[in-house]
N, C-alpha and C. Protein backbone atom coordinates (compact mmCIF):
# COMPACT_ATOMS: atom_id res chain seq x y z
N MET A 1 4.51 -17.83 33.62
CA MET A 1 5.12 -17.01 33.00
C MET A 1 5.22 -16.87 31.17
N TYR A 2 5.02 -15.78 30.67
CA TYR A 2 5.05 -15.60 29.31
C TYR A 2 6.65 -15.33 29.14
N GLY A 3 7.48 -16.56 28.64
CA GLY A 3 8.43 -16.40 27.88
C GLY A 3 9.72 -16.80 28.61
N ASP A 4 9.27 -18.04 28.56
CA ASP A 4 10.66 -19.31 29.24
C ASP A 4 12.10 -18.43 29.36
N ASP A 5 12.75 -19.02 30.04
CA ASP A 5 14.30 -18.67 29.71
C ASP A 5 15.03 -18.58 28.57
N ALA A 6 14.55 -19.46 27.98
CA ALA A 6 14.95 -19.87 26.75
C ALA A 6 14.55 -19.30 25.33
N THR A 7 13.29 -18.55 26.07
CA THR A 7 12.68 -17.70 24.59
C THR A 7 13.61 -16.13 25.10
N VAL A 8 13.47 -15.47 26.15
CA VAL A 8 14.62 -14.60 26.72
C VAL A 8 15.83 -14.82 25.51
N ARG A 9 16.18 -15.85 25.92
CA ARG A 9 18.01 -15.76 24.91
C ARG A 9 17.87 -15.96 24.20
N LYS A 10 16.82 -16.49 23.49
CA LYS A 10 16.70 -16.50 22.37
C LYS A 10 16.80 -15.28 21.55
N ILE A 11 15.39 -13.78 21.96
CA ILE A 11 15.75 -12.49 21.70
C ILE A 11 16.56 -11.93 21.86
N LEU A 12 17.11 -12.01 23.26
CA LEU A 12 18.17 -11.15 23.13
C LEU A 12 19.86 -11.15 22.23
N THR A 13 19.91 -12.60 22.15
CA THR A 13 21.09 -13.13 21.57
C THR A 13 21.01 -13.56 19.73
N GLU A 14 19.82 -14.16 19.69
CA GLU A 14 19.45 -14.89 17.75
C GLU A 14 19.13 -14.06 17.10
N LEU A 15 17.63 -13.17 17.41
CA LEU A 15 16.75 -12.60 16.66
C LEU A 15 17.32 -11.93 16.05
N GLY A 16 18.69 -10.94 16.15
CA GLY A 16 19.04 -9.59 15.31
C GLY A 16 19.05 -8.51 16.39
N ASP A 17 19.34 -7.50 16.00
CA ASP A 17 19.72 -6.18 16.79
C ASP A 17 18.98 -4.78 17.02
N THR A 18 17.88 -5.01 16.04
CA THR A 18 17.00 -3.84 16.21
C THR A 18 15.87 -3.64 16.38
N TRP A 19 15.53 -2.94 17.60
CA TRP A 19 14.67 -3.07 19.08
C TRP A 19 13.98 -1.80 18.38
N ALA A 20 12.76 -2.10 18.09
CA ALA A 20 11.68 -0.87 18.11
C ALA A 20 11.02 -0.43 19.79
N VAL A 21 11.24 0.29 20.19
CA VAL A 21 11.03 0.88 21.81
C VAL A 21 9.85 1.47 21.07
N VAL A 22 8.81 1.07 21.61
CA VAL A 22 7.49 1.70 21.61
C VAL A 22 6.54 2.33 22.67
N GLY A 23 6.94 3.66 22.91
CA GLY A 23 6.97 4.97 24.05
C GLY A 23 7.69 5.33 24.39
N LEU A 24 8.93 5.06 24.17
CA LEU A 24 10.28 5.68 24.31
C LEU A 24 10.14 6.95 23.65
N SER A 25 10.20 8.38 24.35
CA SER A 25 10.37 9.29 24.13
C SER A 25 11.51 10.25 24.66
N SER A 26 12.07 11.12 25.08
CA SER A 26 13.52 12.10 25.39
C SER A 26 13.11 12.05 27.16
N ASN A 27 11.77 12.06 27.44
CA ASN A 27 11.71 11.98 29.24
C ASN A 27 12.60 10.96 29.58
N ARG A 28 13.87 11.43 30.14
CA ARG A 28 14.41 10.92 31.34
C ARG A 28 13.40 9.87 32.69
N ARG A 29 13.02 10.69 32.73
CA ARG A 29 12.24 9.87 33.74
C ARG A 29 11.51 8.48 33.23
N ARG A 30 11.14 8.29 32.42
CA ARG A 30 10.48 6.99 32.16
C ARG A 30 11.03 6.03 32.08
N ALA A 31 10.73 5.16 32.29
CA ALA A 31 11.67 3.28 32.32
C ALA A 31 12.22 3.22 31.06
N ALA A 32 11.41 3.46 29.75
CA ALA A 32 11.93 3.29 28.65
C ALA A 32 13.16 3.98 28.61
N TYR A 33 13.53 5.25 28.48
CA TYR A 33 14.76 5.84 28.65
C TYR A 33 15.94 4.87 29.01
N GLY A 34 15.72 4.81 30.17
CA GLY A 34 16.86 3.75 30.94
C GLY A 34 17.47 2.77 29.88
N VAL A 35 16.26 1.83 29.99
CA VAL A 35 16.00 0.05 29.29
C VAL A 35 16.23 0.54 27.96
N ALA A 36 16.32 1.37 26.81
CA ALA A 36 16.74 2.15 25.68
C ALA A 36 18.32 2.27 26.25
N GLU A 37 18.79 2.52 27.00
CA GLU A 37 20.31 3.01 27.17
C GLU A 37 20.96 1.98 27.28
N VAL A 38 20.44 0.69 28.16
CA VAL A 38 20.98 -0.62 28.64
C VAL A 38 21.34 -1.38 27.46
N LEU A 39 19.95 -1.60 26.77
CA LEU A 39 19.82 -2.06 25.05
C LEU A 39 21.09 -1.90 24.28
N GLN A 40 21.64 -0.37 24.24
CA GLN A 40 22.52 -0.19 23.10
C GLN A 40 23.75 -0.22 23.53
N ARG A 41 23.69 -0.27 25.02
CA ARG A 41 25.48 -0.67 25.70
C ARG A 41 25.52 -2.09 25.66
N TYR A 42 24.58 -3.07 25.03
CA TYR A 42 24.73 -4.54 24.57
C TYR A 42 24.74 -4.63 23.29
N GLY A 43 24.65 -3.15 22.39
CA GLY A 43 25.11 -3.41 21.32
C GLY A 43 23.47 -3.41 20.02
N LYS A 44 22.63 -3.19 21.02
CA LYS A 44 21.33 -3.24 20.16
C LYS A 44 21.17 -1.63 19.48
N ARG A 45 20.86 -1.63 18.54
CA ARG A 45 19.95 -0.69 17.68
C ARG A 45 18.42 0.02 18.66
N VAL A 46 18.78 0.55 18.35
CA VAL A 46 16.89 1.59 19.43
C VAL A 46 16.41 2.62 18.72
N VAL A 47 14.99 2.23 18.27
CA VAL A 47 14.65 2.56 17.45
C VAL A 47 13.23 3.43 18.46
N PRO A 48 13.11 4.80 18.75
CA PRO A 48 12.25 5.18 19.66
C PRO A 48 10.27 5.19 18.73
N VAL A 49 10.12 4.25 19.13
CA VAL A 49 8.27 4.61 18.45
C VAL A 49 7.36 5.46 19.63
N HIS A 50 6.90 6.71 18.66
CA HIS A 50 6.01 7.33 19.80
C HIS A 50 5.46 8.26 18.84
N PRO A 51 4.31 8.73 19.13
CA PRO A 51 3.27 9.85 18.47
C PRO A 51 3.94 11.27 17.86
N LYS A 52 5.25 11.32 19.08
CA LYS A 52 6.71 12.58 18.90
C LYS A 52 7.15 12.45 17.81
N ALA A 53 7.72 11.54 17.69
CA ALA A 53 8.63 10.64 16.80
C ALA A 53 9.83 11.94 17.00
N GLU A 54 10.25 11.68 18.38
CA GLU A 54 11.45 12.42 18.69
C GLU A 54 12.85 11.67 18.25
N THR A 55 13.82 12.51 18.16
CA THR A 55 14.76 11.21 18.36
C THR A 55 15.47 11.32 19.49
N VAL A 56 15.75 10.21 20.20
CA VAL A 56 16.12 9.47 21.46
C VAL A 56 17.40 8.79 21.12
N HIS A 57 18.78 9.05 22.47
CA HIS A 57 19.88 8.16 22.02
C HIS A 57 20.49 8.27 20.65
N GLY A 58 20.52 9.68 20.41
CA GLY A 58 20.69 9.56 18.71
C GLY A 58 20.28 8.63 17.59
N GLU A 59 19.21 8.22 17.99
CA GLU A 59 17.95 7.53 16.85
C GLU A 59 16.95 8.45 16.30
N GLN A 60 17.06 8.54 15.40
CA GLN A 60 15.15 8.95 14.81
C GLN A 60 14.46 8.01 15.27
N GLY A 61 13.66 9.02 15.73
CA GLY A 61 11.86 8.08 16.31
C GLY A 61 11.23 8.23 15.32
N TYR A 62 9.86 7.23 15.14
CA TYR A 62 8.85 7.26 13.89
C TYR A 62 7.73 7.22 14.91
N ALA A 63 6.42 7.97 14.33
CA ALA A 63 5.45 7.99 14.92
C ALA A 63 4.47 6.39 15.58
N SER A 64 4.73 5.58 14.43
CA SER A 64 4.42 4.00 14.51
C SER A 64 5.14 3.28 14.07
N LEU A 65 4.66 1.92 14.21
CA LEU A 65 5.92 0.89 13.86
C LEU A 65 5.58 0.85 11.74
N ALA A 66 4.44 0.63 11.84
CA ALA A 66 3.84 1.29 10.27
C ALA A 66 5.01 2.25 9.51
N ASP A 67 5.47 3.72 10.45
CA ASP A 67 6.20 4.41 9.62
C ASP A 67 8.04 3.83 9.33
N MET A 68 8.19 3.14 9.76
CA MET A 68 9.73 2.60 9.81
C MET A 68 10.38 2.63 8.44
N PRO A 69 10.97 2.83 7.85
CA PRO A 69 11.54 2.75 6.33
C PRO A 69 12.64 1.43 6.65
N PHE A 70 12.59 0.51 7.64
CA PHE A 70 13.58 0.11 7.46
C PHE A 70 12.99 -2.01 8.58
N ALA A 71 13.25 -2.53 8.53
CA ALA A 71 12.60 -3.78 8.94
C ALA A 71 13.26 -3.58 10.66
N VAL A 72 12.48 -3.94 11.46
CA VAL A 72 12.94 -4.18 13.07
C VAL A 72 12.16 -5.78 13.46
N ASP A 73 13.29 -5.81 13.76
CA ASP A 73 13.60 -7.43 15.02
C ASP A 73 13.02 -7.73 15.72
N VAL A 74 13.00 -6.87 17.05
CA VAL A 74 11.93 -6.74 18.39
C VAL A 74 11.05 -5.76 18.43
N VAL A 75 10.23 -6.04 19.01
CA VAL A 75 9.22 -4.51 19.36
C VAL A 75 9.23 -4.90 20.91
N ASP A 76 9.52 -3.76 22.02
CA ASP A 76 9.52 -3.99 23.20
C ASP A 76 8.54 -2.58 23.24
N VAL A 77 8.00 -3.20 23.91
CA VAL A 77 6.26 -2.89 24.49
C VAL A 77 6.93 -1.56 25.50
N PHE A 78 6.00 -0.20 25.87
CA PHE A 78 6.32 0.72 27.22
C PHE A 78 5.04 1.19 26.89
N VAL A 79 4.02 0.41 27.03
CA VAL A 79 2.75 0.71 26.70
C VAL A 79 1.43 0.21 27.61
N ASN A 80 0.34 1.07 28.21
CA ASN A 80 -0.28 0.54 28.73
C ASN A 80 -1.07 -0.62 28.14
N SER A 81 -1.08 -1.85 29.31
CA SER A 81 -2.17 -3.05 28.88
C SER A 81 -2.97 -2.88 27.81
N ASP A 82 -3.46 -2.33 27.99
CA ASP A 82 -4.83 -1.99 26.90
C ASP A 82 -4.46 -1.49 25.71
N LEU A 83 -3.29 -0.99 25.49
CA LEU A 83 -3.06 -0.47 24.45
C LEU A 83 -2.48 -1.71 23.49
N ALA A 84 -1.24 -2.28 24.20
CA ALA A 84 -0.38 -3.43 23.77
C ALA A 84 -0.79 -4.42 23.20
N GLY A 85 -2.39 -4.69 23.15
CA GLY A 85 -1.83 -5.95 22.41
C GLY A 85 -2.33 -5.25 20.73
N THR A 86 -2.76 -4.00 20.52
CA THR A 86 -2.77 -3.30 19.30
C THR A 86 -1.51 -3.59 18.50
N VAL A 87 -0.45 -2.92 19.70
CA VAL A 87 1.16 -3.22 19.35
C VAL A 87 1.66 -4.02 19.22
N ALA A 88 1.17 -5.06 19.78
CA ALA A 88 1.81 -6.54 19.18
C ALA A 88 1.05 -6.95 17.62
N ASP A 89 -0.18 -6.56 17.79
CA ASP A 89 -0.58 -6.72 15.82
C ASP A 89 0.02 -6.14 14.77
N GLU A 90 0.54 -4.52 15.59
CA GLU A 90 1.28 -3.98 14.01
C GLU A 90 2.83 -4.45 14.47
N ALA A 91 3.29 -4.73 15.39
CA ALA A 91 4.19 -6.04 15.46
C ALA A 91 4.55 -6.89 14.13
N ALA A 92 3.53 -7.72 14.26
CA ALA A 92 3.39 -9.01 13.37
C ALA A 92 3.24 -8.49 11.74
N ALA A 93 2.17 -7.55 11.74
CA ALA A 93 1.89 -7.20 10.49
C ALA A 93 3.22 -6.15 9.60
N VAL A 94 3.99 -5.52 10.58
CA VAL A 94 5.45 -5.12 9.95
C VAL A 94 6.59 -6.50 9.89
N GLY A 95 6.34 -7.40 10.38
CA GLY A 95 7.46 -8.81 10.30
C GLY A 95 8.51 -8.73 11.46
N ALA A 96 8.09 -8.54 12.49
CA ALA A 96 8.82 -8.51 13.13
C ALA A 96 9.32 -9.82 13.85
N LYS A 97 9.93 -10.31 14.56
CA LYS A 97 10.15 -11.52 15.07
C LYS A 97 9.94 -12.16 16.75
N ALA A 98 10.06 -11.18 16.78
CA ALA A 98 9.31 -10.83 18.13
C ALA A 98 8.77 -10.29 19.23
N VAL A 99 8.15 -9.66 20.25
CA VAL A 99 7.49 -8.71 20.66
C VAL A 99 8.03 -9.47 22.17
N TRP A 100 8.23 -8.35 22.76
CA TRP A 100 8.31 -7.94 24.33
C TRP A 100 7.71 -7.14 25.06
N PHE A 101 6.97 -7.43 25.91
CA PHE A 101 5.67 -6.47 27.02
C PHE A 101 6.64 -6.80 28.09
N GLN A 102 7.35 -5.16 28.45
CA GLN A 102 7.72 -4.70 29.52
C GLN A 102 6.99 -5.70 31.07
N LEU A 103 7.86 -4.92 32.14
CA LEU A 103 6.92 -5.35 33.60
C LEU A 103 6.12 -4.59 33.28
N GLY A 104 5.26 -5.59 34.13
CA GLY A 104 3.76 -4.83 34.39
C GLY A 104 2.31 -4.81 32.64
N VAL A 105 3.04 -4.74 31.88
CA VAL A 105 2.19 -4.95 30.80
C VAL A 105 1.69 -6.47 30.41
N VAL A 106 0.46 -7.09 30.15
CA VAL A 106 0.06 -8.17 30.15
C VAL A 106 -1.28 -8.41 29.24
N ASP A 107 -1.43 -8.83 28.49
CA ASP A 107 -2.71 -9.12 27.97
C ASP A 107 -2.70 -10.63 27.42
N ASP A 108 -3.06 -11.60 27.70
CA ASP A 108 -3.03 -12.61 27.69
C ASP A 108 -3.17 -13.30 25.84
N ALA A 109 -4.64 -12.44 25.62
CA ALA A 109 -5.02 -12.62 24.18
C ALA A 109 -4.22 -12.39 23.19
N ALA A 110 -3.33 -11.08 23.54
CA ALA A 110 -2.13 -10.49 22.47
C ALA A 110 -1.45 -11.65 22.62
N TYR A 111 -0.96 -12.21 23.32
CA TYR A 111 0.39 -12.97 23.90
C TYR A 111 -0.10 -14.61 22.94
N GLY A 112 -1.63 -14.82 22.86
CA GLY A 112 -2.15 -15.86 21.69
C GLY A 112 -1.89 -15.64 20.69
N ARG A 113 -2.46 -13.92 20.41
CA ARG A 113 -2.90 -14.11 18.95
C ARG A 113 -0.80 -13.89 18.13
N THR A 114 0.01 -13.37 19.13
CA THR A 114 1.53 -12.78 18.87
C THR A 114 2.06 -14.48 18.60
N ARG A 115 1.76 -15.73 19.38
CA ARG A 115 2.42 -16.69 19.07
C ARG A 115 1.85 -17.62 17.85
N ALA A 116 0.63 -17.41 17.78
CA ALA A 116 -0.04 -18.17 17.05
C ALA A 116 0.79 -17.86 15.43
N ALA A 117 0.95 -16.36 15.31
CA ALA A 117 1.43 -15.10 14.43
C ALA A 117 2.77 -15.94 13.85
N GLY A 118 3.59 -17.01 14.86
CA GLY A 118 4.85 -16.91 13.70
C GLY A 118 6.01 -16.28 15.26
N LEU A 119 6.03 -15.44 16.02
CA LEU A 119 6.55 -14.22 16.53
C LEU A 119 7.10 -15.06 18.14
N ASP A 120 7.97 -14.71 18.18
CA ASP A 120 8.66 -14.72 19.99
C ASP A 120 8.00 -13.76 20.75
N MET A 121 7.81 -14.27 21.83
CA MET A 121 6.55 -13.34 23.07
C MET A 121 7.46 -13.38 24.08
N VAL A 122 7.13 -12.50 25.17
CA VAL A 122 8.09 -12.61 26.44
C VAL A 122 7.01 -11.47 27.02
N MET A 123 6.18 -11.67 27.91
CA MET A 123 5.47 -10.63 28.55
C MET A 123 5.79 -10.44 30.03
N ASP A 124 5.43 -8.77 30.81
CA ASP A 124 5.87 -9.21 32.02
C ASP A 124 7.39 -9.30 32.34
N ARG A 125 8.25 -9.12 31.62
CA ARG A 125 9.94 -9.03 32.15
C ARG A 125 10.38 -7.85 31.64
N CYS A 126 11.82 -7.29 31.95
CA CYS A 126 12.36 -6.43 31.22
C CYS A 126 14.00 -6.91 30.25
N PRO A 127 14.06 -6.45 29.58
CA PRO A 127 15.42 -7.00 28.72
C PRO A 127 16.36 -6.30 29.29
N ALA A 128 16.43 -5.27 30.33
CA ALA A 128 17.44 -4.03 31.06
C ALA A 128 17.53 -5.27 32.23
N ILE A 129 16.95 -5.98 32.45
CA ILE A 129 17.47 -7.05 33.49
C ILE A 129 17.68 -8.09 33.17
N GLU A 130 16.66 -9.14 32.13
CA GLU A 130 17.46 -10.07 31.64
C GLU A 130 18.77 -10.14 30.90
N ILE A 131 19.40 -8.83 30.01
CA ILE A 131 20.55 -8.81 29.32
C ILE A 131 21.80 -9.27 30.54
N PRO A 132 21.83 -9.10 31.36
CA PRO A 132 23.47 -8.47 31.71
C PRO A 132 23.29 -9.78 32.61
N ARG A 133 22.38 -10.78 32.65
CA ARG A 133 22.22 -12.60 33.23
C ARG A 133 22.74 -13.01 32.14
N LEU A 134 22.68 -12.90 30.90
CA LEU A 134 23.23 -13.84 29.98
C LEU A 134 24.16 -13.92 29.80
N GLY A 135 25.38 -13.07 30.76
CA GLY A 135 27.15 -13.65 30.86
C GLY A 135 27.67 -12.84 29.40
């Protein structure tokens, strides 16, 4: 498992409340849309990062992490595993504190690079499943 329960708890409760959700669009049928709703219900600021830069759940979207004019605490990644490593590298470059790869998103090399860069990381888990468990 990539990201033990202590790391999950730390990311969800200690690292800050601004989450960039990479792959979040206004498409209600996509998992990112529902997960973003759950994160907002738990007090997180959810910022969409998608090439369309759409406003979703009341938050202005940005085409890339580098385009965001403010700091981000956690980067939640909803892209295919073959693209996820690049997003993790971008998260480190913009000063994020943690990276979260969603269920089914796995890249062992990216996990190693991200941890080596000093970021916390969880892979192949979903914060919308984990956050209610915190009680």
